[in-house]
C-alpha cells in the first residue's frame, strides 16, 4: 500500500530533509514595478525565447503564447510571491474545547520547481492541536495554495505551511506531510514517471513519537465517498 511506503520514507528521512531557510529568495525591489509592467517584460522575454528556438510567432497558434505565459506567471502560478495575495486566516476561540488534533488531508498541491520551472503536483496533509484558537478549514487549503504558487522546493514549501499556521494559531503544535511528483524528474532527465517525493515538518507535540504516529495513521484512513 502506497501510504505504508510513505510512512516508512518519513521515518527514514527524519529531520534530514530541512533546508537552510524557509524564506523564498526574493530581491528587495521585487515589488517596485506593477503586475502589468511585469507581464509586459515577461511577454518580451518569452517572445525572445520562442524566436531563439526558431518558432514562427506569426502563426495563429503561437502568436498569443508570450502574452498568455506572462499573464499565467504573474496572475496564476507565481501569484503567491506577492504578499498582498496572502490569505487572511481569521481564527476563532475554541469554545467547544476540542483538545485533539485536527487533520486536513489530501489538499491538492500545484507548484513549480524553481530549478527547471516544471510542475510539482501532489497532496498535502496538515494537522494542528489547538491551544485555544481554531482556523477555518478552507483557510488551511488556501495557505497551502498560497505558498505553492511560487517557484519552490518541496522542503521549503512544507516548512512555510507549518510556520504560517504556527503563527496564525499561536501554537507550535502543527505538522505537514507532502507527497508530490516533480515533472523535472518524471518528464526529463531520468524520466522516472513512478517516483514521488515525500517531505515532512513536525512542530511542538508532533515531534513526540506517539503524536506523530497518530497523525500519520489518520493520513492512512480511506476517505473515498
N, C-alpha and C. Protein backbone atom coordinates (compact mmCIF):
# COMPACT_ATOMS: atom_id res chain seq x y z
N UNK A 1 0.85 -1.20 0.00
CA UNK A 1 0.00 0.00 0.00
C UNK A 1 0.88 1.24 0.00
N UNK A 2 0.54 2.21 -0.85
CA UNK A 2 1.41 3.37 -1.04
C UNK A 2 1.65 4.14 0.25
N UNK A 3 0.61 4.33 1.07
CA UNK A 3 0.76 5.14 2.28
C UNK A 3 1.74 4.50 3.25
N UNK A 4 1.78 3.16 3.31
CA UNK A 4 2.74 2.48 4.19
C UNK A 4 4.17 2.78 3.74
N UNK A 5 4.38 2.82 2.43
CA UNK A 5 5.70 3.16 1.90
C UNK A 5 6.07 4.59 2.29
N UNK A 6 5.08 5.51 2.21
CA UNK A 6 5.31 6.91 2.58
C UNK A 6 5.71 7.01 4.04
N UNK A 7 5.00 6.29 4.91
CA UNK A 7 5.30 6.36 6.35
C UNK A 7 6.70 5.86 6.63
N UNK A 8 7.11 4.79 5.93
CA UNK A 8 8.47 4.29 6.11
C UNK A 8 9.50 5.31 5.63
N UNK A 9 9.20 6.00 4.51
CA UNK A 9 10.11 7.01 3.99
C UNK A 9 10.26 8.17 4.97
N UNK A 10 9.14 8.56 5.60
CA UNK A 10 9.19 9.65 6.57
C UNK A 10 10.08 9.28 7.74
N UNK A 11 9.94 8.05 8.24
CA UNK A 11 10.77 7.60 9.35
C UNK A 11 12.24 7.59 8.97
N UNK A 12 12.55 7.20 7.72
CA UNK A 12 13.93 7.14 7.28
C UNK A 12 14.51 8.54 7.08
N UNK A 13 13.70 9.46 6.57
CA UNK A 13 14.17 10.82 6.31
C UNK A 13 14.47 11.55 7.60
N UNK A 14 13.60 11.37 8.60
CA UNK A 14 13.77 12.07 9.88
C UNK A 14 13.77 13.58 9.67
N UNK A 15 14.76 14.26 10.26
CA UNK A 15 14.86 15.70 10.14
C UNK A 15 15.82 16.12 9.04
N UNK A 16 16.37 15.18 8.30
CA UNK A 16 17.43 15.49 7.34
C UNK A 16 16.93 16.26 6.13
N UNK A 17 15.60 16.33 5.93
CA UNK A 17 15.07 16.99 4.75
C UNK A 17 15.07 18.51 4.86
N UNK A 18 15.21 19.06 6.07
CA UNK A 18 15.02 20.50 6.28
C UNK A 18 16.07 21.31 5.54
N UNK A 19 15.62 22.33 4.79
CA UNK A 19 16.56 23.20 4.11
C UNK A 19 17.05 24.28 5.06
N UNK A 20 18.00 25.09 4.59
CA UNK A 20 18.64 26.06 5.48
C UNK A 20 17.75 27.24 5.80
N UNK A 21 16.76 27.52 4.97
CA UNK A 21 15.89 28.66 5.21
C UNK A 21 14.50 28.39 4.67
N UNK A 22 13.49 28.89 5.38
CA UNK A 22 12.11 28.75 4.91
C UNK A 22 11.67 29.97 4.12
N UNK A 23 12.56 30.91 3.88
CA UNK A 23 12.21 32.12 3.15
C UNK A 23 12.44 31.94 1.66
N UNK A 24 11.45 32.33 0.86
CA UNK A 24 11.63 32.34 -0.59
C UNK A 24 12.64 33.43 -0.95
N UNK A 25 13.67 33.12 -1.73
CA UNK A 25 14.69 34.13 -2.06
C UNK A 25 14.14 35.20 -3.01
N UNK A 26 13.87 36.36 -2.45
CA UNK A 26 13.34 37.49 -3.22
C UNK A 26 14.27 38.69 -3.08
N UNK A 27 14.42 39.46 -4.14
CA UNK A 27 15.18 40.70 -4.07
C UNK A 27 14.38 41.77 -3.33
N UNK A 28 15.07 42.77 -2.79
CA UNK A 28 14.41 43.85 -2.06
C UNK A 28 13.49 44.67 -2.97
N UNK A 29 13.80 44.70 -4.27
CA UNK A 29 13.00 45.52 -5.20
C UNK A 29 11.94 44.69 -5.94
N UNK A 30 11.59 43.52 -5.38
CA UNK A 30 10.71 42.59 -6.09
C UNK A 30 9.37 43.17 -6.46
N UNK A 31 8.88 44.16 -5.70
CA UNK A 31 7.52 44.68 -5.94
C UNK A 31 7.52 46.17 -6.27
N UNK A 32 8.62 46.64 -6.84
CA UNK A 32 8.70 48.06 -7.19
C UNK A 32 8.04 48.37 -8.53
N UNK A 33 7.78 47.36 -9.33
CA UNK A 33 7.03 47.58 -10.57
C UNK A 33 5.69 46.87 -10.47
N UNK A 34 4.72 47.32 -11.24
CA UNK A 34 3.37 46.78 -11.16
C UNK A 34 3.27 45.43 -11.86
N UNK A 35 2.17 44.74 -11.61
CA UNK A 35 1.93 43.46 -12.28
C UNK A 35 1.84 43.64 -13.79
N UNK A 36 1.22 44.73 -14.22
CA UNK A 36 1.11 44.98 -15.66
C UNK A 36 2.48 45.16 -16.30
N UNK A 37 3.37 45.86 -15.59
CA UNK A 37 4.73 46.03 -16.11
C UNK A 37 5.47 44.70 -16.15
N UNK A 38 5.28 43.89 -15.13
CA UNK A 38 5.91 42.57 -15.12
C UNK A 38 5.42 41.72 -16.28
N UNK A 39 4.11 41.76 -16.54
CA UNK A 39 3.55 40.98 -17.64
C UNK A 39 4.17 41.41 -18.97
N UNK A 40 4.32 42.69 -19.17
CA UNK A 40 4.87 43.20 -20.43
C UNK A 40 6.34 42.76 -20.59
N UNK A 41 7.11 42.84 -19.51
CA UNK A 41 8.52 42.45 -19.58
C UNK A 41 8.66 40.94 -19.82
N UNK A 42 7.86 40.14 -19.12
CA UNK A 42 7.93 38.69 -19.30
C UNK A 42 7.47 38.31 -20.70
N UNK A 43 6.47 39.01 -21.20
CA UNK A 43 5.99 38.76 -22.57
C UNK A 43 7.13 38.93 -23.57
N UNK A 44 7.91 39.98 -23.40
CA UNK A 44 9.04 40.20 -24.31
C UNK A 44 10.08 39.10 -24.19
N UNK A 45 10.32 38.65 -22.96
CA UNK A 45 11.32 37.59 -22.74
C UNK A 45 10.86 36.27 -23.34
N UNK A 46 9.58 35.92 -23.16
CA UNK A 46 9.06 34.68 -23.75
C UNK A 46 9.11 34.77 -25.27
N UNK A 47 8.80 35.93 -25.79
CA UNK A 47 8.88 36.15 -27.23
C UNK A 47 10.30 35.87 -27.74
N UNK A 48 11.31 36.37 -26.99
CA UNK A 48 12.71 36.16 -27.38
C UNK A 48 13.08 34.68 -27.32
N UNK A 49 12.61 33.98 -26.28
CA UNK A 49 12.91 32.55 -26.16
C UNK A 49 12.34 31.78 -27.34
N UNK A 50 11.09 32.07 -27.67
CA UNK A 50 10.44 31.35 -28.76
C UNK A 50 11.09 31.66 -30.09
N UNK A 51 11.48 32.92 -30.28
CA UNK A 51 12.19 33.29 -31.51
C UNK A 51 13.53 32.57 -31.60
N UNK A 52 14.23 32.50 -30.47
CA UNK A 52 15.53 31.83 -30.45
C UNK A 52 15.39 30.36 -30.80
N UNK A 53 14.30 29.74 -30.38
CA UNK A 53 14.04 28.34 -30.69
C UNK A 53 13.63 28.13 -32.15
N UNK A 54 13.39 29.23 -32.86
CA UNK A 54 13.06 29.13 -34.27
C UNK A 54 11.57 29.03 -34.57
N UNK A 55 10.73 29.31 -33.56
CA UNK A 55 9.29 29.21 -33.76
C UNK A 55 8.77 30.45 -34.50
N UNK A 56 7.76 30.23 -35.32
CA UNK A 56 7.14 31.30 -36.10
C UNK A 56 6.01 31.93 -35.30
N UNK A 57 6.28 33.11 -34.70
CA UNK A 57 5.28 33.76 -33.87
C UNK A 57 4.21 34.47 -34.67
N UNK A 58 4.26 34.39 -36.00
CA UNK A 58 3.17 34.89 -36.82
C UNK A 58 2.07 33.83 -37.01
N UNK A 59 2.38 32.59 -36.62
CA UNK A 59 1.40 31.52 -36.72
C UNK A 59 0.25 31.78 -35.74
N UNK A 60 -0.97 31.53 -36.17
CA UNK A 60 -2.15 31.81 -35.34
C UNK A 60 -2.09 31.09 -34.00
N UNK A 61 -1.52 29.89 -33.98
CA UNK A 61 -1.48 29.10 -32.75
C UNK A 61 -0.45 29.63 -31.74
N UNK A 62 0.58 30.34 -32.24
CA UNK A 62 1.69 30.74 -31.38
C UNK A 62 1.73 32.23 -31.03
N UNK A 63 1.08 33.05 -31.83
CA UNK A 63 1.30 34.49 -31.65
C UNK A 63 0.78 35.03 -30.31
N UNK A 64 -0.16 34.34 -29.70
CA UNK A 64 -0.66 34.79 -28.40
C UNK A 64 0.05 34.16 -27.22
N UNK A 65 0.99 33.24 -27.48
CA UNK A 65 1.63 32.50 -26.39
C UNK A 65 2.44 33.38 -25.44
N UNK A 66 3.27 34.31 -25.91
CA UNK A 66 4.03 35.14 -24.97
C UNK A 66 3.13 35.89 -23.98
N UNK A 67 2.01 36.44 -24.45
CA UNK A 67 1.09 37.14 -23.57
C UNK A 67 0.43 36.19 -22.58
N UNK A 68 0.02 35.02 -23.07
CA UNK A 68 -0.62 34.04 -22.19
C UNK A 68 0.33 33.57 -21.09
N UNK A 69 1.58 33.28 -21.47
CA UNK A 69 2.56 32.80 -20.49
C UNK A 69 2.85 33.88 -19.46
N UNK A 70 3.01 35.11 -19.90
CA UNK A 70 3.30 36.21 -18.98
C UNK A 70 2.18 36.41 -17.97
N UNK A 71 0.94 36.41 -18.45
CA UNK A 71 -0.20 36.56 -17.53
C UNK A 71 -0.29 35.38 -16.57
N UNK A 72 -0.02 34.19 -17.06
CA UNK A 72 -0.06 33.00 -16.21
C UNK A 72 1.00 33.08 -15.11
N UNK A 73 2.21 33.50 -15.46
CA UNK A 73 3.27 33.62 -14.47
C UNK A 73 2.89 34.59 -13.36
N UNK A 74 2.41 35.78 -13.73
CA UNK A 74 2.17 36.83 -12.74
C UNK A 74 0.87 36.60 -11.98
N UNK A 75 -0.19 36.23 -12.67
CA UNK A 75 -1.52 36.17 -12.04
C UNK A 75 -1.91 34.80 -11.51
N UNK A 76 -1.19 33.76 -11.91
CA UNK A 76 -1.59 32.41 -11.51
C UNK A 76 -0.46 31.66 -10.83
N UNK A 77 0.42 31.02 -11.59
CA UNK A 77 1.31 30.03 -10.99
C UNK A 77 2.37 30.64 -10.08
N UNK A 78 2.66 31.94 -10.21
CA UNK A 78 3.61 32.59 -9.30
C UNK A 78 2.96 33.71 -8.50
N UNK A 79 1.64 33.67 -8.39
CA UNK A 79 0.92 34.73 -7.68
C UNK A 79 1.22 34.73 -6.19
N UNK A 80 1.68 33.59 -5.65
CA UNK A 80 1.98 33.51 -4.23
C UNK A 80 3.25 34.25 -3.82
N UNK A 81 3.98 34.81 -4.78
CA UNK A 81 5.14 35.64 -4.44
C UNK A 81 4.72 36.97 -3.84
N UNK A 82 3.53 37.42 -4.18
CA UNK A 82 3.07 38.75 -3.76
C UNK A 82 2.42 38.66 -2.39
N UNK A 83 3.00 39.31 -1.37
CA UNK A 83 2.41 39.23 -0.02
C UNK A 83 1.02 39.82 0.07
N UNK A 84 0.63 40.64 -0.88
CA UNK A 84 -0.74 41.19 -0.87
C UNK A 84 -1.77 40.11 -1.13
N UNK A 85 -1.35 39.00 -1.71
CA UNK A 85 -2.28 37.90 -2.01
C UNK A 85 -2.34 36.87 -0.88
N UNK A 86 -1.62 37.11 0.17
CA UNK A 86 -1.62 36.17 1.29
C UNK A 86 -3.02 36.06 1.88
N UNK A 87 -3.55 34.85 2.07
CA UNK A 87 -4.92 34.71 2.59
C UNK A 87 -5.02 35.20 4.03
N UNK A 88 -6.11 35.87 4.33
CA UNK A 88 -6.38 36.30 5.69
C UNK A 88 -6.97 35.12 6.45
N UNK A 89 -6.20 34.57 7.37
CA UNK A 89 -6.62 33.37 8.10
C UNK A 89 -7.16 33.78 9.46
N UNK A 90 -8.44 34.16 9.51
CA UNK A 90 -9.06 34.54 10.77
C UNK A 90 -9.20 33.34 11.68
N UNK A 91 -8.93 33.55 12.96
CA UNK A 91 -9.06 32.47 13.94
C UNK A 91 -10.27 32.73 14.83
N UNK A 92 -10.71 31.66 15.50
CA UNK A 92 -11.87 31.73 16.38
C UNK A 92 -11.52 31.04 17.69
N UNK A 93 -12.18 31.46 18.74
CA UNK A 93 -11.97 30.81 20.03
C UNK A 93 -12.47 29.37 19.96
N UNK A 94 -11.72 28.48 20.56
CA UNK A 94 -12.10 27.07 20.60
C UNK A 94 -13.11 26.87 21.74
N UNK A 95 -14.32 27.39 21.52
CA UNK A 95 -15.33 27.40 22.58
C UNK A 95 -15.83 26.02 22.94
N UNK A 96 -15.73 25.08 21.99
CA UNK A 96 -16.21 23.73 22.27
C UNK A 96 -15.12 22.88 22.92
N UNK A 97 -13.96 23.49 23.18
CA UNK A 97 -12.88 22.83 23.94
C UNK A 97 -12.42 21.53 23.29
N UNK A 98 -12.38 21.54 21.95
CA UNK A 98 -11.86 20.36 21.25
C UNK A 98 -10.36 20.29 21.47
N UNK A 99 -9.89 19.21 22.10
CA UNK A 99 -8.50 19.14 22.51
C UNK A 99 -7.65 18.15 21.74
N UNK A 100 -8.24 17.47 20.75
CA UNK A 100 -7.48 16.51 19.96
C UNK A 100 -6.95 17.19 18.69
N UNK A 101 -6.15 16.48 17.94
CA UNK A 101 -5.62 17.08 16.72
C UNK A 101 -6.70 17.17 15.65
N UNK A 102 -6.59 18.18 14.83
CA UNK A 102 -7.46 18.34 13.65
C UNK A 102 -6.59 18.13 12.43
N UNK A 103 -7.04 17.26 11.54
CA UNK A 103 -6.26 16.92 10.34
C UNK A 103 -7.04 17.29 9.09
N UNK A 104 -6.42 18.04 8.23
CA UNK A 104 -6.97 18.33 6.90
C UNK A 104 -6.05 17.63 5.91
N UNK A 105 -6.55 16.57 5.28
CA UNK A 105 -5.67 15.77 4.43
C UNK A 105 -6.08 15.84 2.97
N UNK A 106 -5.18 15.37 2.13
CA UNK A 106 -5.41 15.31 0.68
C UNK A 106 -5.67 16.69 0.08
N UNK A 107 -4.98 17.71 0.58
CA UNK A 107 -5.06 19.05 -0.01
C UNK A 107 -4.24 19.05 -1.30
N UNK A 108 -4.85 19.41 -2.40
CA UNK A 108 -4.16 19.39 -3.68
C UNK A 108 -3.06 20.44 -3.72
N UNK A 109 -1.89 20.03 -4.17
CA UNK A 109 -0.74 20.93 -4.32
C UNK A 109 -0.40 21.04 -5.80
N UNK A 110 -0.44 22.26 -6.30
CA UNK A 110 0.11 22.58 -7.63
C UNK A 110 1.17 23.64 -7.42
N UNK A 111 2.42 23.27 -7.67
CA UNK A 111 3.51 24.22 -7.50
C UNK A 111 4.44 24.12 -8.70
N UNK A 112 5.58 24.82 -8.62
CA UNK A 112 6.53 24.86 -9.73
C UNK A 112 7.94 24.72 -9.18
N UNK A 113 8.68 23.75 -9.69
CA UNK A 113 10.06 23.55 -9.28
C UNK A 113 10.90 24.76 -9.68
N UNK A 114 11.63 25.34 -8.72
CA UNK A 114 12.40 26.55 -9.02
C UNK A 114 13.68 26.26 -9.80
N UNK A 115 14.03 24.99 -9.96
CA UNK A 115 15.25 24.64 -10.68
C UNK A 115 15.05 24.51 -12.19
N UNK A 116 13.86 24.04 -12.59
CA UNK A 116 13.58 23.86 -14.02
C UNK A 116 12.27 24.51 -14.45
N UNK A 117 11.56 25.12 -13.51
CA UNK A 117 10.25 25.73 -13.79
C UNK A 117 9.28 24.74 -14.42
N UNK A 118 9.29 23.52 -13.87
CA UNK A 118 8.33 22.49 -14.25
C UNK A 118 7.41 22.20 -13.08
N UNK A 119 6.23 21.64 -13.35
CA UNK A 119 5.23 21.47 -12.29
C UNK A 119 5.63 20.48 -11.20
N UNK A 120 5.15 20.78 -10.00
CA UNK A 120 5.13 19.86 -8.86
C UNK A 120 3.66 19.64 -8.55
N UNK A 121 3.23 18.38 -8.53
CA UNK A 121 1.82 18.07 -8.32
C UNK A 121 1.70 16.99 -7.26
N UNK A 122 0.88 17.23 -6.24
CA UNK A 122 0.74 16.23 -5.20
C UNK A 122 -0.33 16.55 -4.18
N UNK A 123 -0.16 16.00 -2.99
CA UNK A 123 -1.11 16.19 -1.90
C UNK A 123 -0.37 16.61 -0.63
N UNK A 124 -1.01 17.52 0.10
CA UNK A 124 -0.50 17.93 1.41
C UNK A 124 -1.48 17.46 2.48
N UNK A 125 -0.93 17.06 3.62
CA UNK A 125 -1.71 16.67 4.79
C UNK A 125 -1.25 17.54 5.95
N UNK A 126 -2.18 18.29 6.53
CA UNK A 126 -1.83 19.29 7.54
C UNK A 126 -2.64 19.01 8.81
N UNK A 127 -2.01 19.21 9.96
CA UNK A 127 -2.69 18.98 11.24
C UNK A 127 -2.22 20.00 12.27
N UNK A 128 -3.09 20.26 13.25
CA UNK A 128 -2.69 21.07 14.39
C UNK A 128 -3.49 20.66 15.62
N UNK A 129 -2.95 21.01 16.77
CA UNK A 129 -3.64 20.82 18.05
C UNK A 129 -3.87 22.20 18.64
N UNK A 130 -5.12 22.55 18.88
CA UNK A 130 -5.48 23.89 19.32
C UNK A 130 -4.92 24.20 20.71
N UNK A 131 -4.43 25.43 20.84
CA UNK A 131 -4.04 25.95 22.14
C UNK A 131 -5.02 27.05 22.58
N UNK A 132 -6.24 27.00 22.02
CA UNK A 132 -7.25 27.99 22.35
C UNK A 132 -7.86 28.65 21.13
N UNK A 133 -7.21 28.49 19.96
CA UNK A 133 -7.73 29.07 18.73
C UNK A 133 -7.88 27.99 17.67
N UNK A 134 -8.87 28.20 16.79
CA UNK A 134 -9.05 27.33 15.63
C UNK A 134 -9.14 28.20 14.39
N UNK A 135 -8.89 27.61 13.24
CA UNK A 135 -8.92 28.34 11.99
C UNK A 135 -9.89 27.64 11.05
N UNK A 136 -10.56 28.41 10.18
CA UNK A 136 -11.49 27.83 9.23
C UNK A 136 -10.80 26.79 8.35
N UNK A 137 -11.48 25.68 8.08
CA UNK A 137 -10.86 24.59 7.33
C UNK A 137 -10.36 25.03 5.97
N UNK A 138 -11.15 25.82 5.25
CA UNK A 138 -10.74 26.23 3.91
C UNK A 138 -9.49 27.10 3.94
N UNK A 139 -9.25 27.77 5.08
CA UNK A 139 -8.06 28.62 5.17
C UNK A 139 -6.79 27.78 5.15
N UNK A 140 -6.88 26.55 5.65
CA UNK A 140 -5.71 25.68 5.60
C UNK A 140 -5.38 25.35 4.14
N UNK A 141 -6.41 25.08 3.34
CA UNK A 141 -6.19 24.84 1.91
C UNK A 141 -5.62 26.07 1.22
N UNK A 142 -6.13 27.25 1.60
CA UNK A 142 -5.67 28.49 0.97
C UNK A 142 -4.22 28.80 1.32
N UNK A 143 -3.82 28.50 2.55
CA UNK A 143 -2.43 28.71 2.95
C UNK A 143 -1.51 27.80 2.14
N UNK A 144 -1.90 26.52 1.98
CA UNK A 144 -1.12 25.61 1.15
C UNK A 144 -1.00 26.16 -0.27
N UNK A 145 -2.11 26.60 -0.83
CA UNK A 145 -2.12 27.08 -2.21
C UNK A 145 -1.28 28.34 -2.36
N UNK A 146 -1.34 29.24 -1.39
CA UNK A 146 -0.58 30.49 -1.45
C UNK A 146 0.92 30.23 -1.53
N UNK A 147 1.42 29.38 -0.65
CA UNK A 147 2.85 29.12 -0.65
C UNK A 147 3.28 28.22 -1.81
N UNK A 148 2.33 27.46 -2.37
CA UNK A 148 2.64 26.63 -3.53
C UNK A 148 2.77 27.46 -4.80
N UNK A 149 2.09 28.60 -4.85
CA UNK A 149 2.04 29.41 -6.07
C UNK A 149 3.27 30.32 -6.16
N UNK A 150 4.42 29.69 -6.28
CA UNK A 150 5.69 30.39 -6.44
C UNK A 150 6.74 29.36 -6.85
N UNK A 151 7.86 29.78 -7.40
CA UNK A 151 8.93 28.81 -7.63
C UNK A 151 9.34 28.21 -6.29
N UNK A 152 9.39 26.88 -6.22
CA UNK A 152 9.53 26.24 -4.92
C UNK A 152 10.50 25.08 -4.94
N UNK A 153 10.96 24.73 -3.75
CA UNK A 153 11.48 23.40 -3.46
C UNK A 153 10.53 22.83 -2.42
N UNK A 154 10.30 21.54 -2.48
CA UNK A 154 9.25 20.95 -1.65
C UNK A 154 9.56 21.07 -0.16
N UNK A 155 10.84 20.99 0.21
CA UNK A 155 11.21 21.13 1.61
C UNK A 155 10.78 22.49 2.16
N UNK A 156 11.07 23.54 1.39
CA UNK A 156 10.72 24.89 1.83
C UNK A 156 9.22 25.06 1.92
N UNK A 157 8.50 24.55 0.93
CA UNK A 157 7.04 24.65 0.93
C UNK A 157 6.46 24.03 2.20
N UNK A 158 6.96 22.85 2.56
CA UNK A 158 6.48 22.17 3.77
C UNK A 158 6.71 23.01 5.01
N UNK A 159 7.90 23.59 5.11
CA UNK A 159 8.24 24.42 6.26
C UNK A 159 7.39 25.70 6.31
N UNK A 160 7.18 26.31 5.15
CA UNK A 160 6.41 27.57 5.11
C UNK A 160 4.97 27.35 5.56
N UNK A 161 4.37 26.24 5.15
CA UNK A 161 3.00 25.93 5.57
C UNK A 161 2.92 25.80 7.08
N UNK A 162 3.85 25.05 7.66
CA UNK A 162 3.84 24.83 9.10
C UNK A 162 4.09 26.14 9.84
N UNK A 163 5.07 26.91 9.42
CA UNK A 163 5.40 28.15 10.12
C UNK A 163 4.27 29.16 10.05
N UNK A 164 3.58 29.22 8.93
CA UNK A 164 2.46 30.15 8.80
C UNK A 164 1.31 29.75 9.73
N UNK A 165 0.99 28.48 9.78
CA UNK A 165 -0.08 28.03 10.67
C UNK A 165 0.31 28.17 12.14
N UNK A 166 1.57 27.98 12.45
CA UNK A 166 2.03 28.21 13.82
C UNK A 166 1.82 29.67 14.21
N UNK A 167 2.12 30.57 13.29
CA UNK A 167 1.93 32.00 13.54
C UNK A 167 0.45 32.34 13.69
N UNK A 168 -0.38 31.82 12.79
CA UNK A 168 -1.81 32.13 12.81
C UNK A 168 -2.48 31.60 14.06
N UNK A 169 -2.12 30.38 14.46
CA UNK A 169 -2.80 29.70 15.57
C UNK A 169 -2.15 29.96 16.93
N UNK A 170 -0.95 30.52 16.93
CA UNK A 170 -0.28 30.78 18.20
C UNK A 170 0.13 29.52 18.92
N UNK A 171 0.53 28.51 18.16
CA UNK A 171 0.98 27.25 18.77
C UNK A 171 2.05 26.62 17.88
N UNK A 172 2.97 25.89 18.50
CA UNK A 172 3.98 25.14 17.76
C UNK A 172 3.45 23.79 17.29
N UNK A 173 2.27 23.41 17.77
CA UNK A 173 1.75 22.06 17.52
C UNK A 173 1.09 21.97 16.15
N UNK A 174 1.91 22.02 15.12
CA UNK A 174 1.44 21.96 13.73
C UNK A 174 2.34 20.99 12.97
N UNK A 175 1.75 20.24 12.04
CA UNK A 175 2.52 19.29 11.24
C UNK A 175 2.05 19.31 9.80
N UNK A 176 2.94 18.95 8.90
CA UNK A 176 2.59 18.86 7.47
C UNK A 176 3.42 17.77 6.82
N UNK A 177 2.76 16.96 5.99
CA UNK A 177 3.42 15.98 5.13
C UNK A 177 2.96 16.25 3.70
N UNK A 178 3.91 16.28 2.77
CA UNK A 178 3.58 16.47 1.36
C UNK A 178 4.17 15.30 0.56
N UNK A 179 3.34 14.73 -0.31
CA UNK A 179 3.77 13.68 -1.24
C UNK A 179 3.48 14.21 -2.64
N UNK A 180 4.51 14.41 -3.45
CA UNK A 180 4.30 15.06 -4.74
C UNK A 180 5.21 14.50 -5.82
N UNK A 181 4.73 14.59 -7.04
CA UNK A 181 5.53 14.25 -8.21
C UNK A 181 6.16 15.53 -8.77
N UNK A 182 7.42 15.42 -9.16
CA UNK A 182 8.16 16.54 -9.75
C UNK A 182 8.38 16.22 -11.22
N UNK A 183 7.82 17.04 -12.09
CA UNK A 183 7.96 16.75 -13.51
C UNK A 183 9.39 16.96 -14.01
N UNK A 184 10.23 17.66 -13.22
CA UNK A 184 11.65 17.74 -13.60
C UNK A 184 12.31 16.38 -13.47
N UNK A 185 11.74 15.49 -12.67
CA UNK A 185 12.22 14.11 -12.55
C UNK A 185 11.41 13.19 -13.46
N UNK A 186 10.10 13.40 -13.51
CA UNK A 186 9.21 12.49 -14.22
C UNK A 186 9.25 12.67 -15.74
N UNK A 187 9.48 13.90 -16.23
CA UNK A 187 9.35 14.15 -17.67
C UNK A 187 10.66 14.50 -18.36
N UNK A 188 11.75 14.67 -17.60
CA UNK A 188 13.05 14.98 -18.20
C UNK A 188 14.13 14.29 -17.37
N UNK A 189 15.39 14.44 -17.77
CA UNK A 189 16.46 13.83 -17.00
C UNK A 189 16.30 12.32 -16.92
N UNK A 190 16.13 11.81 -15.71
CA UNK A 190 15.99 10.37 -15.51
C UNK A 190 14.66 9.85 -16.04
N UNK A 191 13.64 10.73 -16.15
CA UNK A 191 12.32 10.39 -16.68
C UNK A 191 11.70 9.21 -15.95
N UNK A 192 11.73 9.26 -14.63
CA UNK A 192 11.14 8.22 -13.79
C UNK A 192 9.71 8.64 -13.45
N UNK A 193 8.74 8.09 -14.17
CA UNK A 193 7.36 8.56 -14.02
C UNK A 193 6.70 8.03 -12.76
N UNK A 194 7.31 7.02 -12.10
CA UNK A 194 6.68 6.42 -10.93
C UNK A 194 7.09 7.07 -9.61
N UNK A 195 8.23 7.73 -9.56
CA UNK A 195 8.75 8.22 -8.29
C UNK A 195 8.01 9.47 -7.82
N UNK A 196 7.93 9.63 -6.50
CA UNK A 196 7.40 10.85 -5.91
C UNK A 196 8.28 11.22 -4.72
N UNK A 197 8.13 12.45 -4.26
CA UNK A 197 8.96 12.98 -3.17
C UNK A 197 8.09 13.22 -1.95
N UNK A 198 8.55 12.78 -0.79
CA UNK A 198 7.83 12.96 0.47
C UNK A 198 8.66 13.86 1.38
N UNK A 199 8.04 14.92 1.90
CA UNK A 199 8.68 15.78 2.88
C UNK A 199 7.75 15.94 4.08
N UNK A 200 8.34 16.26 5.22
CA UNK A 200 7.54 16.42 6.43
C UNK A 200 8.15 17.49 7.31
N UNK A 201 7.29 18.13 8.11
CA UNK A 201 7.72 19.08 9.12
C UNK A 201 6.82 18.89 10.33
N UNK A 202 7.42 18.60 11.47
CA UNK A 202 6.67 18.34 12.70
C UNK A 202 7.07 19.36 13.75
N UNK A 203 6.09 20.08 14.27
CA UNK A 203 6.36 21.08 15.28
C UNK A 203 5.74 20.73 16.62
N UNK A 204 6.35 21.19 17.70
CA UNK A 204 5.78 21.04 19.03
C UNK A 204 5.49 19.59 19.39
N UNK A 205 4.25 19.34 19.79
CA UNK A 205 3.84 18.00 20.24
C UNK A 205 3.99 16.95 19.15
N UNK A 206 3.98 17.36 17.88
CA UNK A 206 4.07 16.40 16.79
C UNK A 206 5.46 15.77 16.68
N UNK A 207 6.44 16.30 17.39
CA UNK A 207 7.75 15.67 17.43
C UNK A 207 7.75 14.43 18.33
N UNK A 208 6.73 14.33 19.20
CA UNK A 208 6.62 13.17 20.07
C UNK A 208 6.18 11.96 19.24
N UNK A 209 6.79 10.82 19.51
CA UNK A 209 6.59 9.64 18.67
C UNK A 209 5.13 9.24 18.58
N UNK A 210 4.41 9.21 19.70
CA UNK A 210 3.02 8.75 19.69
C UNK A 210 2.11 9.72 18.94
N UNK A 211 2.34 11.03 19.12
CA UNK A 211 1.52 12.03 18.45
C UNK A 211 1.78 11.99 16.94
N UNK A 212 3.05 11.89 16.58
CA UNK A 212 3.40 11.80 15.16
C UNK A 212 2.75 10.58 14.53
N UNK A 213 2.80 9.45 15.22
CA UNK A 213 2.21 8.23 14.68
C UNK A 213 0.70 8.36 14.53
N UNK A 214 0.03 9.01 15.49
CA UNK A 214 -1.41 9.22 15.38
C UNK A 214 -1.74 10.02 14.13
N UNK A 215 -0.99 11.09 13.90
CA UNK A 215 -1.20 11.92 12.70
C UNK A 215 -1.00 11.09 11.43
N UNK A 216 0.07 10.33 11.38
CA UNK A 216 0.35 9.53 10.19
C UNK A 216 -0.70 8.44 9.99
N UNK A 217 -1.26 7.91 11.07
CA UNK A 217 -2.32 6.93 10.96
C UNK A 217 -3.60 7.55 10.39
N UNK A 218 -3.88 8.80 10.77
CA UNK A 218 -5.05 9.48 10.20
C UNK A 218 -4.91 9.62 8.69
N UNK A 219 -3.71 9.88 8.23
CA UNK A 219 -3.48 10.03 6.78
C UNK A 219 -3.85 8.74 6.05
N UNK A 220 -3.70 7.60 6.71
CA UNK A 220 -3.97 6.31 6.09
C UNK A 220 -5.46 6.02 5.94
N UNK A 221 -6.32 6.75 6.64
CA UNK A 221 -7.75 6.47 6.59
C UNK A 221 -8.29 6.59 5.17
N UNK A 222 -9.15 5.68 4.79
CA UNK A 222 -9.78 5.72 3.48
C UNK A 222 -10.94 6.70 3.50
N UNK A 223 -10.84 7.76 2.71
CA UNK A 223 -11.92 8.76 2.70
C UNK A 223 -12.56 8.85 1.33
N UNK A 224 -12.67 7.74 0.64
CA UNK A 224 -13.38 7.71 -0.63
C UNK A 224 -14.87 7.69 -0.36
N UNK A 225 -15.60 8.62 -1.00
CA UNK A 225 -17.03 8.71 -0.77
C UNK A 225 -17.80 8.43 -2.05
